[in-house]
Amino acid sequence: MTYEQWTTKESDVLLQLMLELEGWRDNSGIFSKQTVKERILPELNKRLGCHKNYLNYQSRLKMSS
C-alpha cells in the first residue's frame, strides 16, 4: 500500500465533516468504521471530487496523532 498525501483542503473538509457529525461518535468519542464509510467519506469525495477510502482515512488520523 502506498501512502496517498492529503491536501490541506481535503484535511480541512474532513475536519469540518467530523465536527458536523459529532453526534455520530460512539461512547468513547470515536467514529465507527460504518459511519466513516457511509457518511464522512462519501460526502468528502462528493465535495472535493476525490476518491478517499477507509484506509486513506485511517492513515490521515495516524498522521495527526
C-alpha atoms as a PDB file:
ATOM      1  CA  MET A   1       0.000   0.000   0.000  1.00  0.00           C
ATOM      2  CA  THR A   2       1.367   3.404  -0.901  1.00  0.00           C
ATOM      3  CA  TYR A   3       0.620   6.453   1.163  1.00  0.00           C
ATOM      4  CA  GLU A   4      -1.619   8.998  -0.537  1.00  0.00           C
ATOM      5  CA  GLN A   5      -0.881  12.560   0.547  1.00  0.00           C
ATOM      6  CA  TRP A   6      -3.827  14.625   1.803  1.00  0.00           C
ATOM      7  CA  THR A   7      -4.086  18.188   0.590  1.00  0.00           C
ATOM      8  CA  THR A   8      -4.779  20.991   3.037  1.00  0.00           C
ATOM      9  CA  LYS A   9      -8.249  21.368   1.515  1.00  0.00           C
ATOM     10  CA  GLU A  10      -9.010  17.647   1.959  1.00  0.00           C
ATOM     11  CA  SER A  11      -7.862  17.775   5.577  1.00  0.00           C
ATOM     12  CA  ASP A  12      -9.938  20.905   6.228  1.00  0.00           C
ATOM     13  CA  VAL A  13     -13.087  19.360   4.752  1.00  0.00           C
ATOM     14  CA  LEU A  14     -12.508  16.137   6.707  1.00  0.00           C
ATOM     15  CA  LEU A  15     -12.252  18.136   9.929  1.00  0.00           C
ATOM     16  CA  GLN A  16     -15.381  20.101   9.048  1.00  0.00           C
ATOM     17  CA  LEU A  17     -17.337  16.894   8.394  1.00  0.00           C
ATOM     18  CA  MET A  18     -16.112  15.340  11.630  1.00  0.00           C
ATOM     19  CA  LEU A  19     -17.334  18.395  13.532  1.00  0.00           C
ATOM     20  CA  GLU A  20     -20.685  18.374  11.724  1.00  0.00           C
ATOM     21  CA  LEU A  21     -21.210  14.698  12.596  1.00  0.00           C
ATOM     22  CA  GLU A  22     -20.029  14.927  16.204  1.00  0.00           C
ATOM     23  CA  GLY A  23     -23.273  13.314  17.409  1.00  0.00           C
ATOM     24  CA  TRP A  24     -22.406  10.157  15.450  1.00  0.00           C
ATOM     25  CA  ARG A  25     -19.411   9.313  17.656  1.00  0.00           C
ATOM     26  CA  ASP A  26     -19.618   6.293  19.947  1.00  0.00           C
ATOM     27  CA  ASN A  27     -19.345   6.474  23.762  1.00  0.00           C
ATOM     28  CA  SER A  28     -15.546   6.563  23.589  1.00  0.00           C
ATOM     29  CA  GLY A  29     -15.618   9.522  21.183  1.00  0.00           C
ATOM     30  CA  ILE A  30     -14.666   7.577  18.057  1.00  0.00           C
ATOM     31  CA  PHE A  31     -16.480   7.325  14.734  1.00  0.00           C
ATOM     32  CA  SER A  32     -17.359   3.755  13.797  1.00  0.00           C
ATOM     33  CA  LYS A  33     -15.983   2.326  10.582  1.00  0.00           C
ATOM     34  CA  GLN A  34     -19.540   2.222   9.244  1.00  0.00           C
ATOM     35  CA  THR A  35     -20.112   5.933   9.969  1.00  0.00           C
ATOM     36  CA  VAL A  36     -16.855   6.864   8.265  1.00  0.00           C
ATOM     37  CA  LYS A  37     -17.597   4.713   5.205  1.00  0.00           C
ATOM     38  CA  GLU A  38     -21.271   5.646   4.868  1.00  0.00           C
ATOM     39  CA  ARG A  39     -21.363   9.294   5.959  1.00  0.00           C
ATOM     40  CA  ILE A  40     -17.980  11.009   6.090  1.00  0.00           C
ATOM     41  CA  LEU A  41     -16.097   9.643   3.085  1.00  0.00           C
ATOM     42  CA  PRO A  42     -18.944   9.845   0.553  1.00  0.00           C
ATOM     43  CA  GLU A  43     -19.520  13.498   1.448  1.00  0.00           C
ATOM     44  CA  LEU A  44     -15.790  14.287   1.378  1.00  0.00           C
ATOM     45  CA  ASN A  45     -15.428  12.633  -2.027  1.00  0.00           C
ATOM     46  CA  LYS A  46     -18.534  14.407  -3.346  1.00  0.00           C
ATOM     47  CA  ARG A  47     -17.448  17.853  -2.172  1.00  0.00           C
ATOM     48  CA  LEU A  48     -13.904  17.554  -3.475  1.00  0.00           C
ATOM     49  CA  GLY A  49     -14.188  15.126  -6.379  1.00  0.00           C
ATOM     50  CA  CYS A  50     -11.617  12.826  -4.798  1.00  0.00           C
ATOM     51  CA  HIS A  51     -11.670   9.091  -4.050  1.00  0.00           C
ATOM     52  CA  LYS A  52     -10.606   8.699  -0.430  1.00  0.00           C
ATOM     53  CA  ASN A  53     -11.325   5.343   1.170  1.00  0.00           C
ATOM     54  CA  TYR A  54     -11.254   3.975   4.711  1.00  0.00           C
ATOM     55  CA  LEU A  55      -7.539   3.137   4.558  1.00  0.00           C
ATOM     56  CA  ASN A  56      -6.795   6.717   3.478  1.00  0.00           C
ATOM     57  CA  TYR A  57      -8.880   7.950   6.417  1.00  0.00           C
ATOM     58  CA  GLN A  58      -7.009   5.730   8.889  1.00  0.00           C
ATOM     59  CA  SER A  59      -3.651   6.891   7.538  1.00  0.00           C
ATOM     60  CA  ARG A  60      -4.710  10.522   7.882  1.00  0.00           C
ATOM     61  CA  LEU A  61      -5.725  10.024  11.505  1.00  0.00           C
ATOM     62  CA  LYS A  62      -2.417   8.319  12.305  1.00  0.00           C
ATOM     63  CA  MET A  63      -0.539  11.282  10.820  1.00  0.00           C
ATOM     64  CA  SER A  64      -2.201  13.679  13.237  1.00  0.00           C
ATOM     65  CA  SER A  65      -1.557  11.542  16.328  1.00  0.00           C
END
